């Protein structure tokens, strides 16, 4: 009986530790802060707040200008599937569409490179 209780306590301790580590890892996989942009379709400001890392994210309306105020590097793409890289925008950096013709960004990914 004592052995089963001891095994149960050990299992509970290991489970709690695993849950804590998993929780910290999940939080570490998001870029902290906003990626602000000016929509290419309307000229209105918009933003992606605390975007996940290592995920291709569409930029609704496209972006004509962007400010990376996250704590991760932003990879800005001209297509919606993160295949045609336009720019790498460091932490605190900005990006403006170039041309002619102007080429807005339609997706972005975050990470360390």
PDB file of N, CA and C in Angstrom:
ATOM      1  N   UNK A   1       0.819  -1.179   0.000  1.00  0.00           N
ATOM      2  CA  UNK A   1       0.000   0.000   0.000  1.00  0.00           C
ATOM      3  C   UNK A   1       0.872   1.254   0.000  1.00  0.00           C
ATOM      4  N   UNK A   2       1.906   1.270   0.843  1.00  0.00           N
ATOM      5  CA  UNK A   2       2.796   2.432   0.904  1.00  0.00           C
ATOM      6  C   UNK A   2       3.502   2.647  -0.429  1.00  0.00           C
ATOM      7  N   UNK A   3       3.907   1.551  -1.040  1.00  0.00           N
ATOM      8  CA  UNK A   3       4.611   1.652  -2.320  1.00  0.00           C
ATOM      9  C   UNK A   3       3.715   2.284  -3.381  1.00  0.00           C
ATOM     10  N   UNK A   4       2.433   1.934  -3.402  1.00  0.00           N
ATOM     11  CA  UNK A   4       1.507   2.516  -4.371  1.00  0.00           C
ATOM     12  C   UNK A   4       1.316   4.007  -4.123  1.00  0.00           C
ATOM     13  N   UNK A   5       1.219   4.411  -2.877  1.00  0.00           N
ATOM     14  CA  UNK A   5       1.085   5.839  -2.556  1.00  0.00           C
ATOM     15  C   UNK A   5       2.319   6.614  -2.989  1.00  0.00           C
ATOM     16  N   UNK A   6       3.483   6.018  -2.721  1.00  0.00           N
ATOM     17  CA  UNK A   6       4.740   6.677  -3.090  1.00  0.00           C
ATOM     18  C   UNK A   6       4.824   6.821  -4.609  1.00  0.00           C
ATOM     19  N   UNK A   7       4.464   5.798  -5.345  1.00  0.00           N
ATOM     20  CA  UNK A   7       4.473   5.846  -6.807  1.00  0.00           C
ATOM     21  C   UNK A   7       3.464   6.901  -7.289  1.00  0.00           C
ATOM     22  N   UNK A   8       2.313   6.952  -6.642  1.00  0.00           N
ATOM     23  CA  UNK A   8       1.288   7.944  -6.999  1.00  0.00           C
ATOM     24  C   UNK A   8       1.797   9.360  -6.800  1.00  0.00           C
ATOM     25  N   UNK A   9       2.498   9.614  -5.682  1.00  0.00           N
ATOM     26  CA  UNK A   9       3.053  10.953  -5.417  1.00  0.00           C
ATOM     27  C   UNK A   9       4.127  11.305  -6.437  1.00  0.00           C
ATOM     28  N   UNK A  10       4.965  10.342  -6.766  1.00  0.00           N
ATOM     29  CA  UNK A  10       6.020  10.582  -7.757  1.00  0.00           C
ATOM     30  C   UNK A  10       5.383  10.910  -9.109  1.00  0.00           C
ATOM     31  N   UNK A  11       4.362  10.153  -9.480  1.00  0.00           N
ATOM     32  CA  UNK A  11       3.665  10.404 -10.743  1.00  0.00           C
ATOM     33  C   UNK A  11       3.024  11.779 -10.769  1.00  0.00           C
ATOM     34  N   UNK A  12       2.423  12.174  -9.652  1.00  0.00           N
ATOM     35  CA  UNK A  12       1.805  13.494  -9.555  1.00  0.00           C
ATOM     36  C   UNK A  12       2.848  14.592  -9.674  1.00  0.00           C
ATOM     37  N   UNK A  13       3.979  14.420  -9.028  1.00  0.00           N
ATOM     38  CA  UNK A  13       5.058  15.406  -9.101  1.00  0.00           C
ATOM     39  C   UNK A  13       5.594  15.529 -10.526  1.00  0.00           C
ATOM     40  N   UNK A  14       5.815  14.405 -11.177  1.00  0.00           N
ATOM     41  CA  UNK A  14       6.316  14.419 -12.555  1.00  0.00           C
ATOM     42  C   UNK A  14       5.281  15.062 -13.479  1.00  0.00           C
ATOM     43  N   UNK A  15       4.025  14.744 -13.286  1.00  0.00           N
ATOM     44  CA  UNK A  15       2.959  15.329 -14.113  1.00  0.00           C
ATOM     45  C   UNK A  15       2.870  16.836 -13.943  1.00  0.00           C
ATOM     46  N   UNK A  16       2.972  17.316 -12.710  1.00  0.00           N
ATOM     47  CA  UNK A  16       2.919  18.757 -12.457  1.00  0.00           C
ATOM     48  C   UNK A  16       4.119  19.458 -13.088  1.00  0.00           C
ATOM     49  N   UNK A  17       5.291  18.853 -12.976  1.00  0.00           N
ATOM     50  CA  UNK A  17       6.490  19.432 -13.577  1.00  0.00           C
ATOM     51  C   UNK A  17       6.362  19.482 -15.094  1.00  0.00           C
ATOM     52  N   UNK A  18       5.836  18.431 -15.686  1.00  0.00           N
ATOM     53  CA  UNK A  18       5.656  18.394 -17.148  1.00  0.00           C
ATOM     54  C   UNK A  18       4.659  19.455 -17.595  1.00  0.00           C
ATOM     55  N   UNK A  19       3.580  19.636 -16.845  1.00  0.00           N
ATOM     56  CA  UNK A  19       2.593  20.657 -17.192  1.00  0.00           C
ATOM     57  C   UNK A  19       3.198  22.057 -17.113  1.00  0.00           C
ATOM     58  N   UNK A  20       4.032  22.296 -16.114  1.00  0.00           N
ATOM     59  CA  UNK A  20       4.683  23.591 -15.966  1.00  0.00           C
ATOM     60  C   UNK A  20       5.626  23.854 -17.131  1.00  0.00           C
ATOM     61  N   UNK A  21       6.438  22.884 -17.485  1.00  0.00           N
ATOM     62  CA  UNK A  21       7.381  23.047 -18.600  1.00  0.00           C
ATOM     63  C   UNK A  21       6.624  23.239 -19.904  1.00  0.00           C
ATOM     64  N   UNK A  22       5.575  22.474 -20.141  1.00  0.00           N
ATOM     65  CA  UNK A  22       4.780  22.607 -21.365  1.00  0.00           C
ATOM     66  C   UNK A  22       4.144  23.983 -21.430  1.00  0.00           C
ATOM     67  N   UNK A  23       3.628  24.471 -20.339  1.00  0.00           N
ATOM     68  CA  UNK A  23       3.032  25.808 -20.308  1.00  0.00           C
ATOM     69  C   UNK A  23       4.043  26.883 -20.636  1.00  0.00           C
ATOM     70  N   UNK A  24       5.237  26.785 -20.102  1.00  0.00           N
ATOM     71  CA  UNK A  24       6.269  27.771 -20.386  1.00  0.00           C
ATOM     72  C   UNK A  24       6.706  27.694 -21.836  1.00  0.00           C
ATOM     73  N   UNK A  25       6.808  26.508 -22.382  1.00  0.00           N
ATOM     74  CA  UNK A  25       7.204  26.347 -23.775  1.00  0.00           C
ATOM     75  C   UNK A  25       6.158  26.936 -24.702  1.00  0.00           C
ATOM     76  N   UNK A  26       4.896  26.721 -24.434  1.00  0.00           N
ATOM     77  CA  UNK A  26       3.844  27.251 -25.291  1.00  0.00           C
ATOM     78  C   UNK A  26       3.886  28.775 -25.303  1.00  0.00           C
ATOM     79  N   UNK A  27       4.104  29.406 -24.158  1.00  0.00           N
ATOM     80  CA  UNK A  27       4.175  30.855 -24.102  1.00  0.00           C
ATOM     81  C   UNK A  27       5.407  31.383 -24.814  1.00  0.00           C
ATOM     82  N   UNK A  28       6.489  30.641 -24.806  1.00  0.00           N
ATOM     83  CA  UNK A  28       7.719  31.084 -25.427  1.00  0.00           C
ATOM     84  C   UNK A  28       7.626  31.038 -26.948  1.00  0.00           C
ATOM     85  N   UNK A  29       6.604  30.410 -27.502  1.00  0.00           N
ATOM     86  CA  UNK A  29       6.483  30.272 -28.939  1.00  0.00           C
ATOM     87  C   UNK A  29       5.668  31.383 -29.581  1.00  0.00           C
ATOM     88  N   UNK A  30       5.406  32.449 -28.879  1.00  0.00           N
ATOM     89  CA  UNK A  30       4.694  33.593 -29.453  1.00  0.00           C
ATOM     90  C   UNK A  30       5.592  34.813 -29.379  1.00  0.00           C
ATOM     91  N   UNK A  31       5.547  35.605 -30.437  1.00  0.00           N
ATOM     92  CA  UNK A  31       6.275  36.868 -30.440  1.00  0.00           C
ATOM     93  C   UNK A  31       5.505  37.834 -29.549  1.00  0.00           C
ATOM     94  N   UNK A  32       6.172  38.434 -28.612  1.00  0.00           N
ATOM     95  CA  UNK A  32       5.521  39.335 -27.668  1.00  0.00           C
ATOM     96  C   UNK A  32       5.486  40.741 -28.243  1.00  0.00           C
ATOM     97  N   UNK A  33       4.300  41.301 -28.377  1.00  0.00           N
ATOM     98  CA  UNK A  33       4.140  42.657 -28.865  1.00  0.00           C
ATOM     99  C   UNK A  33       3.372  42.713 -30.171  1.00  0.00           C
ATOM    100  N   UNK A  34       3.126  43.929 -30.670  1.00  0.00           N
ATOM    101  CA  UNK A  34       2.346  44.082 -31.900  1.00  0.00           C
ATOM    102  C   UNK A  34       3.202  44.183 -33.161  1.00  0.00           C
ATOM    103  N   UNK A  35       2.671  43.669 -34.243  1.00  0.00           N
ATOM    104  CA  UNK A  35       3.175  43.911 -35.590  1.00  0.00           C
ATOM    105  C   UNK A  35       2.125  44.809 -36.227  1.00  0.00           C
ATOM    106  N   UNK A  36       2.414  46.094 -36.278  1.00  0.00           N
ATOM    107  CA  UNK A  36       1.452  47.075 -36.778  1.00  0.00           C
ATOM    108  C   UNK A  36       1.692  47.329 -38.254  1.00  0.00           C
ATOM    109  N   UNK A  37       0.607  47.549 -38.987  1.00  0.00           N
ATOM    110  CA  UNK A  37       0.756  47.820 -40.411  1.00  0.00           C
ATOM    111  C   UNK A  37      -0.355  48.724 -40.924  1.00  0.00           C
ATOM    112  N   UNK A  38      -0.078  49.336 -42.074  1.00  0.00           N
ATOM    113  CA  UNK A  38      -1.073  50.130 -42.787  1.00  0.00           C
ATOM    114  C   UNK A  38      -1.607  49.247 -43.906  1.00  0.00           C
ATOM    115  N   UNK A  39      -2.919  49.049 -43.905  1.00  0.00           N
ATOM    116  CA  UNK A  39      -3.541  48.184 -44.906  1.00  0.00           C
ATOM    117  C   UNK A  39      -3.369  48.765 -46.303  1.00  0.00           C
ATOM    118  N   UNK A  40      -2.935  47.924 -47.224  1.00  0.00           N
ATOM    119  CA  UNK A  40      -2.761  48.360 -48.610  1.00  0.00           C
ATOM    120  C   UNK A  40      -4.112  48.607 -49.288  1.00  0.00           C
ATOM    121  N   UNK A  41      -5.153  47.897 -48.845  1.00  0.00           N
ATOM    122  CA  UNK A  41      -6.456  48.035 -49.499  1.00  0.00           C
ATOM    123  C   UNK A  41      -7.245  49.257 -49.043  1.00  0.00           C
ATOM    124  N   UNK A  42      -7.087  49.684 -47.782  1.00  0.00           N
ATOM    125  CA  UNK A  42      -7.896  50.798 -47.275  1.00  0.00           C
ATOM    126  C   UNK A  42      -7.074  51.961 -46.727  1.00  0.00           C
ATOM    127  N   UNK A  43      -5.801  51.731 -46.455  1.00  0.00           N
ATOM    128  CA  UNK A  43      -4.976  52.769 -45.842  1.00  0.00           C
ATOM    129  C   UNK A  43      -5.184  52.901 -44.339  1.00  0.00           C
ATOM    130  N   UNK A  44      -6.003  52.025 -43.772  1.00  0.00           N
ATOM    131  CA  UNK A  44      -6.300  52.069 -42.333  1.00  0.00           C
ATOM    132  C   UNK A  44      -5.242  51.300 -41.545  1.00  0.00           C
ATOM    133  N   UNK A  45      -4.967  51.733 -40.310  1.00  0.00           N
ATOM    134  CA  UNK A  45      -4.028  50.986 -39.460  1.00  0.00           C
ATOM    135  C   UNK A  45      -4.651  49.679 -38.975  1.00  0.00           C
ATOM    136  N   UNK A  46      -3.802  48.679 -38.804  1.00  0.00           N
ATOM    137  CA  UNK A  46      -4.232  47.373 -38.298  1.00  0.00           C
ATOM    138  C   UNK A  46      -3.026  46.758 -37.604  1.00  0.00           C
ATOM    139  N   UNK A  47      -3.214  45.632 -36.909  1.00  0.00           N
ATOM    140  CA  UNK A  47      -2.075  44.972 -36.270  1.00  0.00           C
ATOM    141  C   UNK A  47      -2.357  43.518 -35.970  1.00  0.00           C
ATOM    142  N   UNK A  48      -1.270  42.779 -35.858  1.00  0.00           N
ATOM    143  CA  UNK A  48      -1.289  41.411 -35.360  1.00  0.00           C
ATOM    144  C   UNK A  48      -0.651  41.492 -33.978  1.00  0.00           C
ATOM    145  N   UNK A  49      -1.375  41.113 -32.940  1.00  0.00           N
ATOM    146  CA  UNK A  49      -0.873  41.245 -31.576  1.00  0.00           C
ATOM    147  C   UNK A  49      -0.397  39.900 -31.047  1.00  0.00           C
ATOM    148  N   UNK A  50       0.839  39.856 -30.537  1.00  0.00           N
ATOM    149  CA  UNK A  50       1.449  38.636 -30.001  1.00  0.00           C
ATOM    150  C   UNK A  50       1.308  37.461 -30.969  1.00  0.00           C
ATOM    151  N   UNK A  51       1.773  37.622 -32.210  1.00  0.00           N
ATOM    152  CA  UNK A  51       1.614  36.548 -33.192  1.00  0.00           C
ATOM    153  C   UNK A  51       2.473  35.333 -32.849  1.00  0.00           C
ATOM    154  N   UNK A  52       2.008  34.139 -33.213  1.00  0.00           N
ATOM    155  CA  UNK A  52       2.800  32.930 -32.937  1.00  0.00           C
ATOM    156  C   UNK A  52       4.055  32.885 -33.809  1.00  0.00           C
ATOM    157  N   UNK A  53       5.103  32.295 -33.291  1.00  0.00           N
ATOM    158  CA  UNK A  53       6.333  32.084 -34.054  1.00  0.00           C
ATOM    159  C   UNK A  53       6.181  30.875 -34.962  1.00  0.00           C
ATOM    160  N   UNK A  54       6.974  30.865 -36.025  1.00  0.00           N
ATOM    161  CA  UNK A  54       7.083  29.723 -36.934  1.00  0.00           C
ATOM    162  C   UNK A  54       5.757  29.327 -37.564  1.00  0.00           C
ATOM    163  N   UNK A  55       4.901  30.329 -37.833  1.00  0.00           N
ATOM    164  CA  UNK A  55       3.619  30.108 -38.487  1.00  0.00           C
ATOM    165  C   UNK A  55       3.478  31.165 -39.575  1.00  0.00           C
ATOM    166  N   UNK A  56       3.019  30.772 -40.754  1.00  0.00           N
ATOM    167  CA  UNK A  56       2.739  31.726 -41.825  1.00  0.00           C
ATOM    168  C   UNK A  56       1.386  32.364 -41.548  1.00  0.00           C
ATOM    169  N   UNK A  57       1.381  33.682 -41.368  1.00  0.00           N
ATOM    170  CA  UNK A  57       0.149  34.400 -41.056  1.00  0.00           C
ATOM    171  C   UNK A  57      -0.248  35.304 -42.214  1.00  0.00           C
ATOM    172  N   UNK A  58      -1.500  35.252 -42.650  1.00  0.00           N
ATOM    173  CA  UNK A  58      -1.944  36.189 -43.677  1.00  0.00           C
ATOM    174  C   UNK A  58      -2.028  37.594 -43.088  1.00  0.00           C
ATOM    175  N   UNK A  59      -1.801  38.583 -43.920  1.00  0.00           N
ATOM    176  CA  UNK A  59      -1.960  39.976 -43.511  1.00  0.00           C
ATOM    177  C   UNK A  59      -3.243  40.475 -44.168  1.00  0.00           C
ATOM    178  N   UNK A  60      -4.334  40.559 -43.410  1.00  0.00           N
ATOM    179  CA  UNK A  60      -5.613  40.983 -43.984  1.00  0.00           C
ATOM    180  C   UNK A  60      -5.491  42.354 -44.661  1.00  0.00           C
ATOM    181  N   UNK A  61      -5.903  42.426 -45.921  1.00  0.00           N
ATOM    182  CA  UNK A  61      -5.848  43.675 -46.672  1.00  0.00           C
ATOM    183  C   UNK A  61      -4.485  43.976 -47.261  1.00  0.00           C
ATOM    184  N   UNK A  62      -3.483  43.156 -46.958  1.00  0.00           N
ATOM    185  CA  UNK A  62      -2.114  43.440 -47.402  1.00  0.00           C
ATOM    186  C   UNK A  62      -1.536  44.593 -46.616  1.00  0.00           C
ATOM    187  N   UNK A  63      -0.223  44.740 -46.656  1.00  0.00           N
ATOM    188  CA  UNK A  63       0.435  45.817 -45.908  1.00  0.00           C
ATOM    189  C   UNK A  63       1.250  46.679 -46.859  1.00  0.00           C
ATOM    190  N   UNK A  64       1.095  47.999 -46.709  1.00  0.00           N
ATOM    191  CA  UNK A  64       1.899  48.957 -47.464  1.00  0.00           C
ATOM    192  C   UNK A  64       3.059  49.465 -46.610  1.00  0.00           C
ATOM    193  N   UNK A  65       2.924  49.363 -45.311  1.00  0.00           N
ATOM    194  CA  UNK A  65       3.937  49.788 -44.344  1.00  0.00           C
ATOM    195  C   UNK A  65       3.749  48.918 -43.109  1.00  0.00           C
ATOM    196  N   UNK A  66       4.850  48.549 -42.461  1.00  0.00           N
ATOM    197  CA  UNK A  66       4.750  47.727 -41.252  1.00  0.00           C
ATOM    198  C   UNK A  66       5.807  48.146 -40.244  1.00  0.00           C
ATOM    199  N   UNK A  67       5.462  47.976 -38.971  1.00  0.00           N
ATOM    200  CA  UNK A  67       6.371  48.231 -37.850  1.00  0.00           C
ATOM    201  C   UNK A  67       6.404  46.985 -36.984  1.00  0.00           C
ATOM    202  N   UNK A  68       7.596  46.461 -36.779  1.00  0.00           N
ATOM    203  CA  UNK A  68       7.746  45.246 -35.983  1.00  0.00           C
ATOM    204  C   UNK A  68       8.120  45.601 -34.548  1.00  0.00           C
ATOM    205  N   UNK A  69       7.116  45.705 -33.708  1.00  0.00           N
ATOM    206  CA  UNK A  69       7.351  45.985 -32.290  1.00  0.00           C
ATOM    207  C   UNK A  69       7.221  44.724 -31.449  1.00  0.00           C
ATOM    208  N   UNK A  70       7.438  43.561 -32.085  1.00  0.00           N
ATOM    209  CA  UNK A  70       7.472  42.297 -31.341  1.00  0.00           C
ATOM    210  C   UNK A  70       8.909  42.056 -30.881  1.00  0.00           C
ATOM    211  N   UNK A  71       9.118  40.972 -30.158  1.00  0.00           N
ATOM    212  CA  UNK A  71      10.468  40.617 -29.729  1.00  0.00           C
ATOM    213  C   UNK A  71      11.073  39.535 -30.622  1.00  0.00           C
ATOM    214  N   UNK A  72      10.527  39.379 -31.843  1.00  0.00           N
ATOM    215  CA  UNK A  72      11.015  38.379 -32.797  1.00  0.00           C
ATOM    216  C   UNK A  72      11.227  39.031 -34.163  1.00  0.00           C
ATOM    217  N   UNK A  73      12.083  38.453 -34.954  1.00  0.00           N
ATOM    218  CA  UNK A  73      12.302  38.917 -36.319  1.00  0.00           C
ATOM    219  C   UNK A  73      11.073  38.596 -37.162  1.00  0.00           C
ATOM    220  N   UNK A  74      10.663  39.555 -38.009  1.00  0.00           N
ATOM    221  CA  UNK A  74       9.524  39.355 -38.910  1.00  0.00           C
ATOM    222  C   UNK A  74      10.034  39.111 -40.324  1.00  0.00           C
ATOM    223  N   UNK A  75       9.475  38.103 -40.974  1.00  0.00           N
ATOM    224  CA  UNK A  75       9.796  37.787 -42.356  1.00  0.00           C
ATOM    225  C   UNK A  75       8.552  38.131 -43.174  1.00  0.00           C
ATOM    226  N   UNK A  76       8.667  39.154 -44.029  1.00  0.00           N
ATOM    227  CA  UNK A  76       7.530  39.708 -44.754  1.00  0.00           C
ATOM    228  C   UNK A  76       7.535  39.162 -46.183  1.00  0.00           C
ATOM    229  N   UNK A  77       6.367  38.689 -46.642  1.00  0.00           N
ATOM    230  CA  UNK A  77       6.255  38.031 -47.938  1.00  0.00           C
ATOM    231  C   UNK A  77       5.218  38.713 -48.833  1.00  0.00           C
ATOM    232  N   UNK A  78       5.465  38.662 -50.143  1.00  0.00           N
ATOM    233  CA  UNK A  78       4.543  39.280 -51.095  1.00  0.00           C
ATOM    234  C   UNK A  78       3.327  38.402 -51.402  1.00  0.00           C
ATOM    235  N   UNK A  79       3.421  37.117 -51.152  1.00  0.00           N
ATOM    236  CA  UNK A  79       2.316  36.199 -51.403  1.00  0.00           C
ATOM    237  C   UNK A  79       1.654  35.799 -50.089  1.00  0.00           C
ATOM    238  N   UNK A  80       0.539  35.111 -50.171  1.00  0.00           N
ATOM    239  CA  UNK A  80      -0.186  34.713 -48.970  1.00  0.00           C
ATOM    240  C   UNK A  80       0.293  33.431 -48.330  1.00  0.00           C
ATOM    241  N   UNK A  81       1.321  32.785 -48.916  1.00  0.00           N
ATOM    242  CA  UNK A  81       1.764  31.492 -48.385  1.00  0.00           C
ATOM    243  C   UNK A  81       3.223  31.496 -47.926  1.00  0.00           C
ATOM    244  N   UNK A  82       3.767  32.675 -47.662  1.00  0.00           N
ATOM    245  CA  UNK A  82       5.136  32.820 -47.131  1.00  0.00           C
ATOM    246  C   UNK A  82       6.183  32.130 -48.021  1.00  0.00           C
ATOM    247  N   UNK A  83       6.111  32.396 -49.318  1.00  0.00           N
ATOM    248  CA  UNK A  83       7.086  31.801 -50.228  1.00  0.00           C
ATOM    249  C   UNK A  83       7.963  32.839 -50.918  1.00  0.00           C
ATOM    250  N   UNK A  84       7.443  34.050 -51.167  1.00  0.00           N
ATOM    251  CA  UNK A  84       8.211  35.084 -51.874  1.00  0.00           C
ATOM    252  C   UNK A  84       8.600  36.180 -50.885  1.00  0.00           C
ATOM    253  N   UNK A  85       9.789  36.038 -50.334  1.00  0.00           N
ATOM    254  CA  UNK A  85      10.284  36.956 -49.304  1.00  0.00           C
ATOM    255  C   UNK A  85      10.497  38.352 -49.865  1.00  0.00           C
ATOM    256  N   UNK A  86       9.925  39.337 -49.191  1.00  0.00           N
ATOM    257  CA  UNK A  86      10.138  40.745 -49.535  1.00  0.00           C
ATOM    258  C   UNK A  86      11.206  41.367 -48.655  1.00  0.00           C
ATOM    259  N   UNK A  87      11.144  41.069 -47.354  1.00  0.00           N
ATOM    260  CA  UNK A  87      12.056  41.723 -46.414  1.00  0.00           C
ATOM    261  C   UNK A  87      12.142  40.951 -45.114  1.00  0.00           C
ATOM    262  N   UNK A  88      13.251  41.161 -44.439  1.00  0.00           N
ATOM    263  CA  UNK A  88      13.436  40.681 -43.067  1.00  0.00           C
ATOM    264  C   UNK A  88      13.459  41.926 -42.199  1.00  0.00           C
ATOM    265  N   UNK A  89      12.522  41.993 -41.266  1.00  0.00           N
ATOM    266  CA  UNK A  89      12.367  43.184 -40.433  1.00  0.00           C
ATOM    267  C   UNK A  89      12.740  42.825 -39.005  1.00  0.00           C
ATOM    268  N   UNK A  90      13.836  43.378 -38.548  1.00  0.00           N
ATOM    269  CA  UNK A  90      14.306  43.101 -37.196  1.00  0.00           C
ATOM    270  C   UNK A  90      13.412  43.702 -36.131  1.00  0.00           C
ATOM    271  N   UNK A  91      13.690  43.341 -34.904  1.00  0.00           N
ATOM    272  CA  UNK A  91      12.949  43.867 -33.755  1.00  0.00           C
ATOM    273  C   UNK A  91      13.076  45.392 -33.749  1.00  0.00           C
ATOM    274  N   UNK A  92      11.935  46.080 -33.702  1.00  0.00           N
ATOM    275  CA  UNK A  92      11.916  47.539 -33.704  1.00  0.00           C
ATOM    276  C   UNK A  92      12.053  48.157 -35.086  1.00  0.00           C
ATOM    277  N   UNK A  93      12.152  47.323 -36.128  1.00  0.00           N
ATOM    278  CA  UNK A  93      12.342  47.818 -37.483  1.00  0.00           C
ATOM    279  C   UNK A  93      11.045  48.129 -38.198  1.00  0.00           C
ATOM    280  N   UNK A  94      11.165  48.782 -39.363  1.00  0.00           N
ATOM    281  CA  UNK A  94      10.010  49.101 -40.189  1.00  0.00           C
ATOM    282  C   UNK A  94      10.241  48.611 -41.615  1.00  0.00           C
ATOM    283  N   UNK A  95       9.163  48.542 -42.379  1.00  0.00           N
ATOM    284  CA  UNK A  95       9.215  48.130 -43.782  1.00  0.00           C
ATOM    285  C   UNK A  95       8.198  48.944 -44.559  1.00  0.00           C
ATOM    286  N   UNK A  96       8.551  49.324 -45.781  1.00  0.00           N
ATOM    287  CA  UNK A  96       7.640  50.007 -46.690  1.00  0.00           C
ATOM    288  C   UNK A  96       7.639  49.281 -48.016  1.00  0.00           C
ATOM    289  N   UNK A  97       6.447  49.192 -48.636  1.00  0.00           N
ATOM    290  CA  UNK A  97       6.375  48.542 -49.934  1.00  0.00           C
ATOM    291  C   UNK A  97       7.203  49.329 -50.942  1.00  0.00           C
ATOM    292  N   UNK A  98       7.714  48.622 -51.909  1.00  0.00           N
ATOM    293  CA  UNK A  98       8.546  49.255 -52.925  1.00  0.00           C
ATOM    294  C   UNK A  98       7.917  49.039 -54.294  1.00  0.00           C
ATOM    295  N   UNK A  99       8.438  49.667 -55.264  1.00  0.00           N
ATOM    296  CA  UNK A  99       7.933  49.517 -56.620  1.00  0.00           C
ATOM    297  C   UNK A  99       8.808  50.330 -57.544  1.00  0.00           C
ATOM    298  N   UNK A 100       8.421  50.666 -58.692  1.00  0.00           N
ATOM    299  CA  UNK A 100       7.092  50.383 -59.235  1.00  0.00           C
ATOM    300  C   UNK A 100       7.007  48.987 -59.830  1.00  0.00           C
ATOM    301  N   UNK A 101       5.851  48.431 -59.935  1.00  0.00           N
ATOM    302  CA  UNK A 101       4.644  48.859 -59.233  1.00  0.00           C
ATOM    303  C   UNK A 101       4.757  48.518 -57.752  1.00  0.00           C
ATOM    304  N   UNK A 102       3.988  49.192 -56.912  1.00  0.00           N
ATOM    305  CA  UNK A 102       4.040  48.883 -55.475  1.00  0.00           C
ATOM    306  C   UNK A 102       3.707  47.418 -55.221  1.00  0.00           C
ATOM    307  N   UNK A 103       4.446  46.801 -54.317  1.00  0.00           N
ATOM    308  CA  UNK A 103       4.226  45.392 -53.997  1.00  0.00           C
ATOM    309  C   UNK A 103       3.933  45.253 -52.504  1.00  0.00           C
ATOM    310  N   UNK A 104       2.653  45.171 -52.125  1.00  0.00           N
ATOM    311  CA  UNK A 104       2.317  45.022 -50.710  1.00  0.00           C
ATOM    312  C   UNK A 104       2.661  43.632 -50.184  1.00  0.00           C
ATOM    313  N   UNK A 105       2.770  43.543 -48.882  1.00  0.00           N
ATOM    314  CA  UNK A 105       3.004  42.259 -48.218  1.00  0.00           C
ATOM    315  C   UNK A 105       1.656  41.596 -47.945  1.00  0.00           C
ATOM    316  N   UNK A 106       1.609  40.286 -48.160  1.00  0.00           N
ATOM    317  CA  UNK A 106       0.360  39.556 -47.936  1.00  0.00           C
ATOM    318  C   UNK A 106       0.473  38.474 -46.865  1.00  0.00           C
ATOM    319  N   UNK A 107       1.681  38.231 -46.364  1.00  0.00           N
ATOM    320  CA  UNK A 107       1.843  37.297 -45.256  1.00  0.00           C
ATOM    321  C   UNK A 107       3.130  37.629 -44.499  1.00  0.00           C
ATOM    322  N   UNK A 108       3.202  37.096 -43.281  1.00  0.00           N
ATOM    323  CA  UNK A 108       4.358  37.354 -42.428  1.00  0.00           C
ATOM    324  C   UNK A 108       4.583  36.144 -41.526  1.00  0.00           C
ATOM    325  N   UNK A 109       5.823  35.896 -41.203  1.00  0.00           N
ATOM    326  CA  UNK A 109       6.191  34.857 -40.257  1.00  0.00           C
ATOM    327  C   UNK A 109       7.135  35.442 -39.226  1.00  0.00           C
ATOM    328  N   UNK A 110       7.137  34.898 -38.039  1.00  0.00           N
ATOM    329  CA  UNK A 110       7.988  35.404 -36.964  1.00  0.00           C
ATOM    330  C   UNK A 110       8.878  34.290 -36.440  1.00  0.00           C
ATOM    331  N   UNK A 111      10.078  34.649 -36.053  1.00  0.00           N
ATOM    332  CA  UNK A 111      11.022  33.691 -35.495  1.00  0.00           C
ATOM    333  C   UNK A 111      12.393  34.312 -35.409  1.00  0.00           C
ATOM    334  N   UNK A 112      13.383  33.463 -35.208  1.00  0.00           N
ATOM    335  CA  UNK A 112      14.745  33.960 -35.063  1.00  0.00           C
ATOM    336  C   UNK A 112      15.551  33.791 -36.328  1.00  0.00           C
ATOM    337  N   UNK A 113      14.954  33.280 -37.355  1.00  0.00           N
ATOM    338  CA  UNK A 113      15.644  33.161 -38.623  1.00  0.00           C
ATOM    339  C   UNK A 113      15.758  31.756 -39.011  1.00  0.00           C
TER     340      UNK A 113
END
